[in-house]
């Protein structure tokens, strides 16, 4: 096949099917949390994390990477994480201000990228190190919140520490993305 004719994008690769299953798990997880079955929601959250690692590994090992998978994977991850934060805040497990902060940061980032694209800039989409730390802390807090509440475990100190760590890294990473986007807008066009 010549370089001018790229291979067709196949939707139903095994990694993409795993990612789609993770996306389908989002409403189930929300329902379990709303039903106060945080024990089962925790298990589904852990399974989603394992599936995220598995689909990435399979895509690399089977050379089954695709543009569709590259788009679906972060959508599935964000859909699950944001939904868990909002739902846990709705039932009083997480502070509502934290869920608002997490969602607002993601809206600012996506909106900023959209604005840059509309203005003709094609910024590379690379997560900052603070954003990777933020994602790790957000996942940890969601997991601890589900596990502690679902299994009635006393983890108040870890829980409080994670809440403030997530708040700090969410703010810092959001500001870092805004600064990076502003620099992108000010950069001269080639």
N, C-alpha and C. Protein backbone atom coordinates (compact mmCIF):
# COMPACT_ATOMS: atom_id res chain seq x y z
N UNK A 1 0.86 -1.18 0.00
CA UNK A 1 0.00 0.00 0.00
C UNK A 1 0.89 1.23 0.00
N UNK A 2 0.65 2.19 -0.87
CA UNK A 2 1.50 3.37 -0.94
C UNK A 2 1.19 4.31 0.21
N UNK A 3 2.14 5.25 0.43
CA UNK A 3 1.95 6.19 1.54
C UNK A 3 0.81 7.15 1.27
N UNK A 4 0.46 7.35 0.00
CA UNK A 4 -0.63 8.26 -0.30
C UNK A 4 -2.00 7.65 0.00
N UNK A 5 -2.03 6.33 0.16
CA UNK A 5 -3.28 5.64 0.50
C UNK A 5 -3.14 5.00 1.87
N UNK A 6 -3.49 5.74 2.94
CA UNK A 6 -3.37 5.16 4.28
C UNK A 6 -4.35 4.01 4.45
N UNK A 7 -4.05 3.09 5.38
CA UNK A 7 -4.97 1.98 5.61
C UNK A 7 -6.31 2.49 6.11
N UNK A 8 -7.40 1.81 5.75
CA UNK A 8 -8.72 2.25 6.21
C UNK A 8 -8.82 2.15 7.73
N UNK A 9 -9.60 3.05 8.31
CA UNK A 9 -9.81 3.03 9.74
C UNK A 9 -10.90 2.00 10.06
N UNK A 10 -10.55 1.06 10.88
CA UNK A 10 -11.49 0.01 11.25
C UNK A 10 -12.01 0.31 12.65
N UNK A 11 -13.31 0.39 12.78
CA UNK A 11 -13.91 0.70 14.08
C UNK A 11 -13.85 -0.50 15.02
N UNK A 12 -14.17 -1.67 14.54
CA UNK A 12 -14.33 -2.81 15.43
C UNK A 12 -13.05 -3.63 15.60
N UNK A 13 -12.00 -2.96 16.04
CA UNK A 13 -10.81 -3.69 16.47
C UNK A 13 -11.05 -4.10 17.92
N UNK A 14 -10.32 -5.09 18.39
CA UNK A 14 -10.47 -5.53 19.78
C UNK A 14 -10.21 -4.39 20.77
N UNK A 15 -9.13 -3.60 20.60
CA UNK A 15 -8.94 -2.48 21.53
C UNK A 15 -10.10 -1.49 21.50
N UNK A 16 -10.64 -1.20 20.31
CA UNK A 16 -11.76 -0.26 20.23
C UNK A 16 -13.02 -0.83 20.87
N UNK A 17 -13.24 -2.13 20.74
CA UNK A 17 -14.41 -2.74 21.38
C UNK A 17 -14.29 -2.66 22.91
N UNK A 18 -13.07 -2.85 23.42
CA UNK A 18 -12.85 -2.72 24.87
C UNK A 18 -13.12 -1.28 25.30
N UNK A 19 -12.65 -0.32 24.52
CA UNK A 19 -12.90 1.08 24.84
C UNK A 19 -14.39 1.39 24.80
N UNK A 20 -15.09 0.88 23.81
CA UNK A 20 -16.54 1.09 23.72
C UNK A 20 -17.26 0.48 24.93
N UNK A 21 -16.79 -0.69 25.37
CA UNK A 21 -17.38 -1.31 26.56
C UNK A 21 -17.16 -0.42 27.78
N UNK A 22 -15.98 0.22 27.86
CA UNK A 22 -15.73 1.14 28.97
C UNK A 22 -16.66 2.33 28.90
N UNK A 23 -16.93 2.80 27.70
CA UNK A 23 -17.86 3.91 27.53
C UNK A 23 -19.28 3.51 27.94
N UNK A 24 -19.68 2.29 27.61
CA UNK A 24 -21.00 1.78 28.00
C UNK A 24 -21.09 1.60 29.52
N UNK A 25 -19.95 1.38 30.16
CA UNK A 25 -19.93 1.21 31.62
C UNK A 25 -20.22 2.52 32.36
N UNK A 26 -20.09 3.65 31.68
CA UNK A 26 -20.31 4.94 32.34
C UNK A 26 -21.72 5.06 32.91
N UNK A 27 -22.79 4.87 32.12
CA UNK A 27 -24.13 5.01 32.71
C UNK A 27 -24.41 3.94 33.77
N UNK A 28 -23.84 2.77 33.63
CA UNK A 28 -24.02 1.72 34.64
C UNK A 28 -23.37 2.17 35.96
N UNK A 29 -22.18 2.73 35.86
CA UNK A 29 -21.49 3.21 37.06
C UNK A 29 -22.30 4.33 37.73
N UNK A 30 -22.80 5.25 36.94
CA UNK A 30 -23.63 6.34 37.49
C UNK A 30 -24.85 5.77 38.20
N UNK A 31 -25.51 4.83 37.57
CA UNK A 31 -26.71 4.22 38.17
C UNK A 31 -26.35 3.53 39.48
N UNK A 32 -25.24 2.78 39.50
CA UNK A 32 -24.84 2.09 40.73
C UNK A 32 -24.57 3.09 41.86
N UNK A 33 -23.92 4.20 41.52
CA UNK A 33 -23.64 5.22 42.55
C UNK A 33 -24.95 5.82 43.05
N UNK A 34 -25.85 6.15 42.14
CA UNK A 34 -27.14 6.72 42.55
C UNK A 34 -27.97 5.74 43.39
N UNK A 35 -27.75 4.45 43.18
CA UNK A 35 -28.44 3.42 43.96
C UNK A 35 -27.69 3.12 45.27
N UNK A 36 -26.64 3.88 45.52
CA UNK A 36 -25.79 3.70 46.71
C UNK A 36 -25.15 2.33 46.75
N UNK A 37 -24.83 1.78 45.61
CA UNK A 37 -24.08 0.52 45.50
C UNK A 37 -22.65 0.87 45.11
N UNK A 38 -22.02 1.63 46.00
CA UNK A 38 -20.66 2.09 45.72
C UNK A 38 -19.66 0.95 45.72
N UNK A 39 -19.99 -0.14 46.38
CA UNK A 39 -19.11 -1.32 46.35
C UNK A 39 -19.03 -1.86 44.92
N UNK A 40 -20.17 -2.01 44.26
CA UNK A 40 -20.19 -2.50 42.89
C UNK A 40 -19.64 -1.45 41.91
N UNK A 41 -19.93 -0.18 42.19
CA UNK A 41 -19.39 0.90 41.35
C UNK A 41 -17.86 0.91 41.44
N UNK A 42 -17.32 0.65 42.62
CA UNK A 42 -15.88 0.57 42.79
C UNK A 42 -15.30 -0.55 41.93
N UNK A 43 -15.93 -1.73 41.97
CA UNK A 43 -15.44 -2.86 41.17
C UNK A 43 -15.50 -2.54 39.68
N UNK A 44 -16.57 -1.89 39.25
CA UNK A 44 -16.68 -1.50 37.83
C UNK A 44 -15.64 -0.44 37.47
N UNK A 45 -15.36 0.48 38.39
CA UNK A 45 -14.35 1.51 38.18
C UNK A 45 -12.96 0.88 38.04
N UNK A 46 -12.66 -0.10 38.87
CA UNK A 46 -11.39 -0.82 38.78
C UNK A 46 -11.32 -1.59 37.45
N UNK A 47 -12.41 -2.24 37.08
CA UNK A 47 -12.44 -2.97 35.81
C UNK A 47 -12.22 -2.01 34.63
N UNK A 48 -12.77 -0.81 34.72
CA UNK A 48 -12.57 0.18 33.66
C UNK A 48 -11.10 0.58 33.59
N UNK A 49 -10.47 0.73 34.74
CA UNK A 49 -9.04 1.05 34.75
C UNK A 49 -8.20 -0.04 34.13
N UNK A 50 -8.53 -1.28 34.46
CA UNK A 50 -7.81 -2.42 33.87
C UNK A 50 -8.05 -2.47 32.37
N UNK A 51 -9.29 -2.22 31.95
CA UNK A 51 -9.60 -2.26 30.51
C UNK A 51 -8.87 -1.15 29.77
N UNK A 52 -8.67 -0.01 30.42
CA UNK A 52 -7.94 1.10 29.80
C UNK A 52 -6.49 0.68 29.52
N UNK A 53 -5.87 0.04 30.49
CA UNK A 53 -4.50 -0.44 30.29
C UNK A 53 -4.47 -1.55 29.23
N UNK A 54 -5.47 -2.43 29.28
CA UNK A 54 -5.52 -3.56 28.35
C UNK A 54 -5.72 -3.10 26.90
N UNK A 55 -6.64 -2.18 26.67
CA UNK A 55 -6.87 -1.76 25.28
C UNK A 55 -5.65 -1.05 24.70
N UNK A 56 -4.96 -0.28 25.53
CA UNK A 56 -3.74 0.38 25.06
C UNK A 56 -2.65 -0.62 24.73
N UNK A 57 -2.49 -1.61 25.60
CA UNK A 57 -1.48 -2.65 25.36
C UNK A 57 -1.80 -3.44 24.10
N UNK A 58 -3.08 -3.82 23.95
CA UNK A 58 -3.49 -4.58 22.77
C UNK A 58 -3.29 -3.77 21.48
N UNK A 59 -3.60 -2.49 21.53
CA UNK A 59 -3.44 -1.65 20.34
C UNK A 59 -1.97 -1.62 19.92
N UNK A 60 -1.06 -1.54 20.90
CA UNK A 60 0.37 -1.54 20.56
C UNK A 60 0.84 -2.93 20.15
N UNK A 61 0.47 -3.95 20.92
CA UNK A 61 0.96 -5.31 20.67
C UNK A 61 0.45 -5.87 19.34
N UNK A 62 -0.78 -5.55 18.98
CA UNK A 62 -1.37 -6.08 17.75
C UNK A 62 -1.26 -5.10 16.58
N UNK A 63 -0.55 -4.00 16.83
CA UNK A 63 -0.45 -2.95 15.82
C UNK A 63 -1.84 -2.57 15.32
N UNK A 64 -2.76 -2.39 16.27
CA UNK A 64 -4.16 -2.08 15.95
C UNK A 64 -4.51 -0.66 16.37
N UNK A 65 -3.52 0.23 16.37
CA UNK A 65 -3.80 1.62 16.69
C UNK A 65 -4.64 2.22 15.58
N UNK A 66 -5.53 3.12 15.98
CA UNK A 66 -6.38 3.77 14.97
C UNK A 66 -6.71 5.18 15.45
N UNK A 67 -7.03 6.03 14.50
CA UNK A 67 -7.44 7.39 14.84
C UNK A 67 -8.72 7.35 15.68
N UNK A 68 -9.60 6.40 15.36
CA UNK A 68 -10.85 6.26 16.10
C UNK A 68 -10.55 5.89 17.56
N UNK A 69 -9.65 4.93 17.74
CA UNK A 69 -9.27 4.53 19.09
C UNK A 69 -8.59 5.65 19.84
N UNK A 70 -7.75 6.42 19.14
CA UNK A 70 -7.06 7.55 19.78
C UNK A 70 -8.05 8.61 20.24
N UNK A 71 -9.17 8.72 19.57
CA UNK A 71 -10.21 9.66 19.98
C UNK A 71 -11.11 9.07 21.05
N UNK A 72 -11.53 7.81 20.87
CA UNK A 72 -12.46 7.17 21.81
C UNK A 72 -11.87 6.97 23.20
N UNK A 73 -10.58 6.61 23.26
CA UNK A 73 -9.98 6.27 24.55
C UNK A 73 -10.04 7.43 25.54
N UNK A 74 -9.56 8.64 25.19
CA UNK A 74 -9.66 9.73 26.17
C UNK A 74 -11.10 10.16 26.44
N UNK A 75 -11.99 10.01 25.44
CA UNK A 75 -13.41 10.34 25.66
C UNK A 75 -14.00 9.41 26.71
N UNK A 76 -13.71 8.11 26.58
CA UNK A 76 -14.21 7.13 27.55
C UNK A 76 -13.65 7.40 28.94
N UNK A 77 -12.36 7.72 29.00
CA UNK A 77 -11.72 8.01 30.29
C UNK A 77 -12.35 9.23 30.96
N UNK A 78 -12.48 10.32 30.19
CA UNK A 78 -13.03 11.56 30.75
C UNK A 78 -14.51 11.38 31.10
N UNK A 79 -15.25 10.68 30.26
CA UNK A 79 -16.67 10.47 30.54
C UNK A 79 -16.84 9.75 31.87
N UNK A 80 -16.03 8.73 32.10
CA UNK A 80 -16.13 7.98 33.35
C UNK A 80 -15.72 8.84 34.53
N UNK A 81 -14.57 9.49 34.43
CA UNK A 81 -14.06 10.25 35.56
C UNK A 81 -14.97 11.41 35.93
N UNK A 82 -15.38 12.18 34.93
CA UNK A 82 -16.25 13.34 35.20
C UNK A 82 -17.59 12.87 35.75
N UNK A 83 -18.14 11.80 35.17
CA UNK A 83 -19.42 11.28 35.65
C UNK A 83 -19.34 10.80 37.10
N UNK A 84 -18.26 10.13 37.43
CA UNK A 84 -18.08 9.64 38.80
C UNK A 84 -17.98 10.83 39.76
N UNK A 85 -17.21 11.86 39.40
CA UNK A 85 -17.08 13.03 40.27
C UNK A 85 -18.42 13.72 40.48
N UNK A 86 -19.14 13.96 39.40
CA UNK A 86 -20.42 14.67 39.51
C UNK A 86 -21.41 13.84 40.33
N UNK A 87 -21.46 12.54 40.09
CA UNK A 87 -22.42 11.68 40.79
C UNK A 87 -22.05 11.53 42.26
N UNK A 88 -20.76 11.37 42.55
CA UNK A 88 -20.34 11.28 43.96
C UNK A 88 -20.63 12.59 44.69
N UNK A 89 -20.50 13.72 44.00
CA UNK A 89 -20.84 15.00 44.63
C UNK A 89 -22.35 15.09 44.84
N UNK A 90 -23.11 14.59 43.89
CA UNK A 90 -24.58 14.65 44.00
C UNK A 90 -25.10 13.87 45.19
N UNK A 91 -24.42 12.77 45.56
CA UNK A 91 -24.89 12.00 46.71
C UNK A 91 -24.13 12.36 47.99
N UNK A 92 -23.27 13.38 47.93
CA UNK A 92 -22.61 13.89 49.12
C UNK A 92 -21.32 13.19 49.52
N UNK A 93 -20.75 12.37 48.66
CA UNK A 93 -19.50 11.68 49.00
C UNK A 93 -18.30 12.58 48.73
N UNK A 94 -18.34 13.32 47.64
CA UNK A 94 -17.29 14.29 47.32
C UNK A 94 -17.86 15.70 47.48
N UNK A 95 -17.01 16.66 47.79
CA UNK A 95 -17.51 18.04 47.88
C UNK A 95 -17.96 18.53 46.50
N UNK A 96 -19.10 19.22 46.48
CA UNK A 96 -19.62 19.69 45.20
C UNK A 96 -18.67 20.68 44.54
N UNK A 97 -17.98 21.52 45.33
CA UNK A 97 -17.06 22.49 44.75
C UNK A 97 -15.93 21.80 43.99
N UNK A 98 -15.53 20.62 44.45
CA UNK A 98 -14.45 19.90 43.78
C UNK A 98 -14.93 19.35 42.43
N UNK A 99 -16.13 18.80 42.41
CA UNK A 99 -16.68 18.30 41.15
C UNK A 99 -16.83 19.44 40.15
N UNK A 100 -17.29 20.59 40.61
CA UNK A 100 -17.43 21.76 39.74
C UNK A 100 -16.07 22.18 39.20
N UNK A 101 -15.06 22.20 40.06
CA UNK A 101 -13.70 22.57 39.64
C UNK A 101 -13.16 21.61 38.58
N UNK A 102 -13.33 20.31 38.80
CA UNK A 102 -12.85 19.30 37.86
C UNK A 102 -13.55 19.44 36.51
N UNK A 103 -14.85 19.60 36.53
CA UNK A 103 -15.61 19.74 35.28
C UNK A 103 -15.26 21.05 34.59
N UNK A 104 -15.16 22.13 35.34
CA UNK A 104 -14.85 23.44 34.75
C UNK A 104 -13.47 23.42 34.08
N UNK A 105 -12.49 22.81 34.70
CA UNK A 105 -11.16 22.72 34.11
C UNK A 105 -11.23 22.01 32.76
N UNK A 106 -11.94 20.89 32.71
CA UNK A 106 -12.05 20.16 31.46
C UNK A 106 -12.77 20.97 30.39
N UNK A 107 -13.79 21.72 30.78
CA UNK A 107 -14.51 22.57 29.82
C UNK A 107 -13.58 23.66 29.29
N UNK A 108 -12.78 24.25 30.16
CA UNK A 108 -11.84 25.30 29.74
C UNK A 108 -10.81 24.73 28.76
N UNK A 109 -10.29 23.54 29.06
CA UNK A 109 -9.28 22.94 28.18
C UNK A 109 -9.88 22.60 26.82
N UNK A 110 -11.02 21.93 26.81
CA UNK A 110 -11.66 21.56 25.54
C UNK A 110 -12.08 22.82 24.78
N UNK A 111 -12.63 23.78 25.49
CA UNK A 111 -13.02 25.04 24.84
C UNK A 111 -11.83 25.78 24.27
N UNK A 112 -10.72 25.79 25.00
CA UNK A 112 -9.50 26.44 24.51
C UNK A 112 -8.97 25.77 23.26
N UNK A 113 -8.97 24.43 23.26
CA UNK A 113 -8.52 23.71 22.07
C UNK A 113 -9.44 24.01 20.88
N UNK A 114 -10.74 24.02 21.15
CA UNK A 114 -11.69 24.33 20.09
C UNK A 114 -11.48 25.73 19.54
N UNK A 115 -11.23 26.70 20.42
CA UNK A 115 -10.97 28.08 20.00
C UNK A 115 -9.71 28.15 19.14
N UNK A 116 -8.65 27.48 19.58
CA UNK A 116 -7.41 27.48 18.80
C UNK A 116 -7.64 26.88 17.41
N UNK A 117 -8.40 25.79 17.34
CA UNK A 117 -8.69 25.16 16.04
C UNK A 117 -9.49 26.12 15.16
N UNK A 118 -10.49 26.79 15.75
CA UNK A 118 -11.30 27.72 14.96
C UNK A 118 -10.48 28.90 14.45
N UNK A 119 -9.45 29.27 15.20
CA UNK A 119 -8.59 30.38 14.78
C UNK A 119 -7.49 29.93 13.82
N UNK A 120 -7.52 28.65 13.45
CA UNK A 120 -6.57 28.15 12.47
C UNK A 120 -5.30 27.58 13.05
N UNK A 121 -5.17 27.56 14.35
CA UNK A 121 -3.98 26.99 14.98
C UNK A 121 -4.24 25.50 15.22
N UNK A 122 -3.25 24.70 14.99
CA UNK A 122 -3.38 23.26 15.22
C UNK A 122 -2.39 22.86 16.32
N UNK A 123 -2.77 23.14 17.57
CA UNK A 123 -1.82 22.85 18.66
C UNK A 123 -1.64 21.34 18.84
N UNK A 124 -0.40 20.94 19.13
CA UNK A 124 -0.21 19.52 19.44
C UNK A 124 -0.92 19.20 20.75
N UNK A 125 -1.57 18.07 20.80
CA UNK A 125 -2.29 17.70 22.01
C UNK A 125 -1.41 16.77 22.81
N UNK A 126 -0.67 17.37 23.73
CA UNK A 126 0.23 16.63 24.60
C UNK A 126 -0.09 17.00 26.04
N UNK A 127 -0.36 16.01 26.87
CA UNK A 127 -0.64 16.35 28.27
C UNK A 127 0.62 16.86 28.97
N UNK A 128 0.44 17.87 29.79
CA UNK A 128 1.53 18.41 30.61
C UNK A 128 1.79 17.46 31.77
N UNK A 129 2.98 17.51 32.35
CA UNK A 129 3.30 16.61 33.47
C UNK A 129 2.35 16.85 34.63
N UNK A 130 1.98 18.10 34.87
CA UNK A 130 1.06 18.39 35.99
C UNK A 130 -0.33 17.84 35.69
N UNK A 131 -0.68 17.78 34.41
CA UNK A 131 -1.96 17.20 34.03
C UNK A 131 -1.96 15.69 34.25
N UNK A 132 -0.84 15.05 33.95
CA UNK A 132 -0.73 13.61 34.20
C UNK A 132 -0.83 13.33 35.71
N UNK A 133 -0.16 14.16 36.51
CA UNK A 133 -0.26 14.02 37.97
C UNK A 133 -1.69 14.25 38.43
N UNK A 134 -2.34 15.26 37.86
CA UNK A 134 -3.73 15.55 38.20
C UNK A 134 -4.64 14.37 37.89
N UNK A 135 -4.46 13.77 36.72
CA UNK A 135 -5.28 12.62 36.34
C UNK A 135 -5.05 11.46 37.31
N UNK A 136 -3.80 11.20 37.66
CA UNK A 136 -3.50 10.14 38.62
C UNK A 136 -4.18 10.41 39.97
N UNK A 137 -4.11 11.64 40.43
CA UNK A 137 -4.74 11.99 41.71
C UNK A 137 -6.26 11.93 41.62
N UNK A 138 -6.82 12.38 40.49
CA UNK A 138 -8.28 12.30 40.32
C UNK A 138 -8.75 10.84 40.34
N UNK A 139 -8.02 9.99 39.63
CA UNK A 139 -8.37 8.56 39.63
C UNK A 139 -8.25 7.97 41.03
N UNK A 140 -7.17 8.33 41.73
CA UNK A 140 -6.96 7.82 43.09
C UNK A 140 -8.08 8.25 44.02
N UNK A 141 -8.45 9.53 43.95
CA UNK A 141 -9.53 10.03 44.81
C UNK A 141 -10.85 9.33 44.49
N UNK A 142 -11.17 9.20 43.21
CA UNK A 142 -12.42 8.52 42.85
C UNK A 142 -12.42 7.09 43.37
N UNK A 143 -11.31 6.39 43.19
CA UNK A 143 -11.21 5.01 43.67
C UNK A 143 -11.33 4.92 45.18
N UNK A 144 -10.63 5.80 45.89
CA UNK A 144 -10.69 5.79 47.36
C UNK A 144 -12.09 6.14 47.84
N UNK A 145 -12.72 7.13 47.20
CA UNK A 145 -14.08 7.52 47.60
C UNK A 145 -15.06 6.37 47.41
N UNK A 146 -14.97 5.70 46.26
CA UNK A 146 -15.87 4.57 46.01
C UNK A 146 -15.59 3.41 46.96
N UNK A 147 -14.31 3.10 47.16
CA UNK A 147 -13.95 1.97 48.03
C UNK A 147 -14.31 2.25 49.49
N UNK A 148 -13.93 3.43 49.98
CA UNK A 148 -14.19 3.76 51.39
C UNK A 148 -15.68 3.81 51.68
N UNK A 149 -16.44 4.45 50.79
CA UNK A 149 -17.88 4.54 51.00
C UNK A 149 -18.58 3.22 50.73
N UNK A 150 -18.12 2.49 49.73
CA UNK A 150 -18.76 1.23 49.36
C UNK A 150 -18.54 0.11 50.36
N UNK A 151 -17.37 0.15 51.02
CA UNK A 151 -17.03 -0.92 51.96
C UNK A 151 -16.91 -0.42 53.40
N UNK A 152 -17.40 0.79 53.66
CA UNK A 152 -17.40 1.40 55.00
C UNK A 152 -16.03 1.34 55.65
N UNK A 153 -15.01 1.82 54.91
CA UNK A 153 -13.64 1.86 55.42
C UNK A 153 -13.33 3.25 55.94
N UNK A 154 -12.63 3.32 57.05
CA UNK A 154 -12.23 4.60 57.63
C UNK A 154 -10.94 5.07 56.96
N UNK A 155 -11.08 6.01 56.04
CA UNK A 155 -9.92 6.52 55.31
C UNK A 155 -9.96 8.05 55.25
N UNK A 156 -10.44 8.68 56.33
CA UNK A 156 -10.67 10.12 56.33
C UNK A 156 -9.42 10.92 56.01
N UNK A 157 -8.26 10.55 56.59
CA UNK A 157 -7.04 11.33 56.39
C UNK A 157 -6.58 11.25 54.93
N UNK A 158 -6.56 10.06 54.36
CA UNK A 158 -6.17 9.90 52.96
C UNK A 158 -7.17 10.62 52.06
N UNK A 159 -8.45 10.50 52.39
CA UNK A 159 -9.51 11.13 51.63
C UNK A 159 -9.33 12.65 51.61
N UNK A 160 -9.12 13.24 52.77
CA UNK A 160 -8.94 14.70 52.87
C UNK A 160 -7.68 15.15 52.11
N UNK A 161 -6.60 14.40 52.26
CA UNK A 161 -5.36 14.74 51.56
C UNK A 161 -5.56 14.70 50.04
N UNK A 162 -6.24 13.67 49.57
CA UNK A 162 -6.48 13.54 48.13
C UNK A 162 -7.40 14.65 47.61
N UNK A 163 -8.38 15.04 48.38
CA UNK A 163 -9.27 16.13 47.96
C UNK A 163 -8.47 17.39 47.70
N UNK A 164 -7.60 17.75 48.63
CA UNK A 164 -6.82 18.98 48.47
C UNK A 164 -5.75 18.84 47.39
N UNK A 165 -5.18 17.66 47.25
CA UNK A 165 -4.19 17.43 46.18
C UNK A 165 -4.85 17.53 44.81
N UNK A 166 -6.05 16.96 44.69
CA UNK A 166 -6.79 17.06 43.42
C UNK A 166 -7.15 18.51 43.13
N UNK A 167 -7.62 19.23 44.15
CA UNK A 167 -7.98 20.64 43.95
C UNK A 167 -6.77 21.44 43.48
N UNK A 168 -5.64 21.26 44.14
CA UNK A 168 -4.43 22.02 43.79
C UNK A 168 -3.95 21.69 42.38
N UNK A 169 -3.84 20.41 42.06
CA UNK A 169 -3.34 20.05 40.72
C UNK A 169 -4.34 20.37 39.63
N UNK A 170 -5.62 20.35 39.95
CA UNK A 170 -6.64 20.75 38.96
C UNK A 170 -6.48 22.23 38.63
N UNK A 171 -6.32 23.06 39.66
CA UNK A 171 -6.11 24.49 39.43
C UNK A 171 -4.81 24.75 38.67
N UNK A 172 -3.73 24.15 39.12
CA UNK A 172 -2.42 24.38 38.50
C UNK A 172 -2.42 23.91 37.05
N UNK A 173 -2.97 22.73 36.79
CA UNK A 173 -2.96 22.24 35.41
C UNK A 173 -3.89 23.06 34.53
N UNK A 174 -5.01 23.49 35.06
CA UNK A 174 -5.91 24.35 34.29
C UNK A 174 -5.24 25.66 33.91
N UNK A 175 -4.56 26.29 34.87
CA UNK A 175 -3.84 27.54 34.60
C UNK A 175 -2.72 27.29 33.59
N UNK A 176 -2.01 26.18 33.73
CA UNK A 176 -0.91 25.86 32.80
C UNK A 176 -1.43 25.71 31.38
N UNK A 177 -2.59 25.08 31.20
CA UNK A 177 -3.16 24.94 29.86
C UNK A 177 -3.60 26.29 29.30
N UNK A 178 -4.16 27.15 30.14
CA UNK A 178 -4.58 28.48 29.68
C UNK A 178 -3.35 29.28 29.23
N UNK A 179 -2.28 29.24 30.02
CA UNK A 179 -1.05 29.95 29.68
C UNK A 179 -0.47 29.40 28.37
N UNK A 180 -0.45 28.08 28.24
CA UNK A 180 0.07 27.45 27.03
C UNK A 180 -0.76 27.85 25.81
N UNK A 181 -2.07 27.88 25.96
CA UNK A 181 -2.95 28.27 24.85
C UNK A 181 -2.75 29.74 24.50
N UNK A 182 -2.58 30.59 25.51
CA UNK A 182 -2.35 32.01 25.25
C UNK A 182 -1.05 32.21 24.48
N UNK A 183 -0.03 31.45 24.85
CA UNK A 183 1.25 31.52 24.11
C UNK A 183 1.05 31.07 22.67
N UNK A 184 0.25 30.03 22.48
CA UNK A 184 -0.03 29.52 21.14
C UNK A 184 -0.70 30.59 20.29
N UNK A 185 -1.62 31.34 20.88
CA UNK A 185 -2.31 32.40 20.16
C UNK A 185 -1.38 33.55 19.81
N UNK A 186 -0.40 33.83 20.67
CA UNK A 186 0.52 34.94 20.46
C UNK A 186 1.68 34.57 19.54
N UNK A 187 1.90 33.29 19.32
CA UNK A 187 3.02 32.85 18.48
C UNK A 187 2.76 33.28 17.04
N UNK A 188 3.83 33.78 16.36
CA UNK A 188 3.64 34.17 14.96
C UNK A 188 3.35 32.96 14.08
N UNK A 189 2.53 33.16 13.08
CA UNK A 189 2.20 32.06 12.15
C UNK A 189 3.40 31.78 11.26
N UNK A 190 3.65 30.50 10.93
CA UNK A 190 4.79 30.18 10.06
C UNK A 190 4.53 30.58 8.62
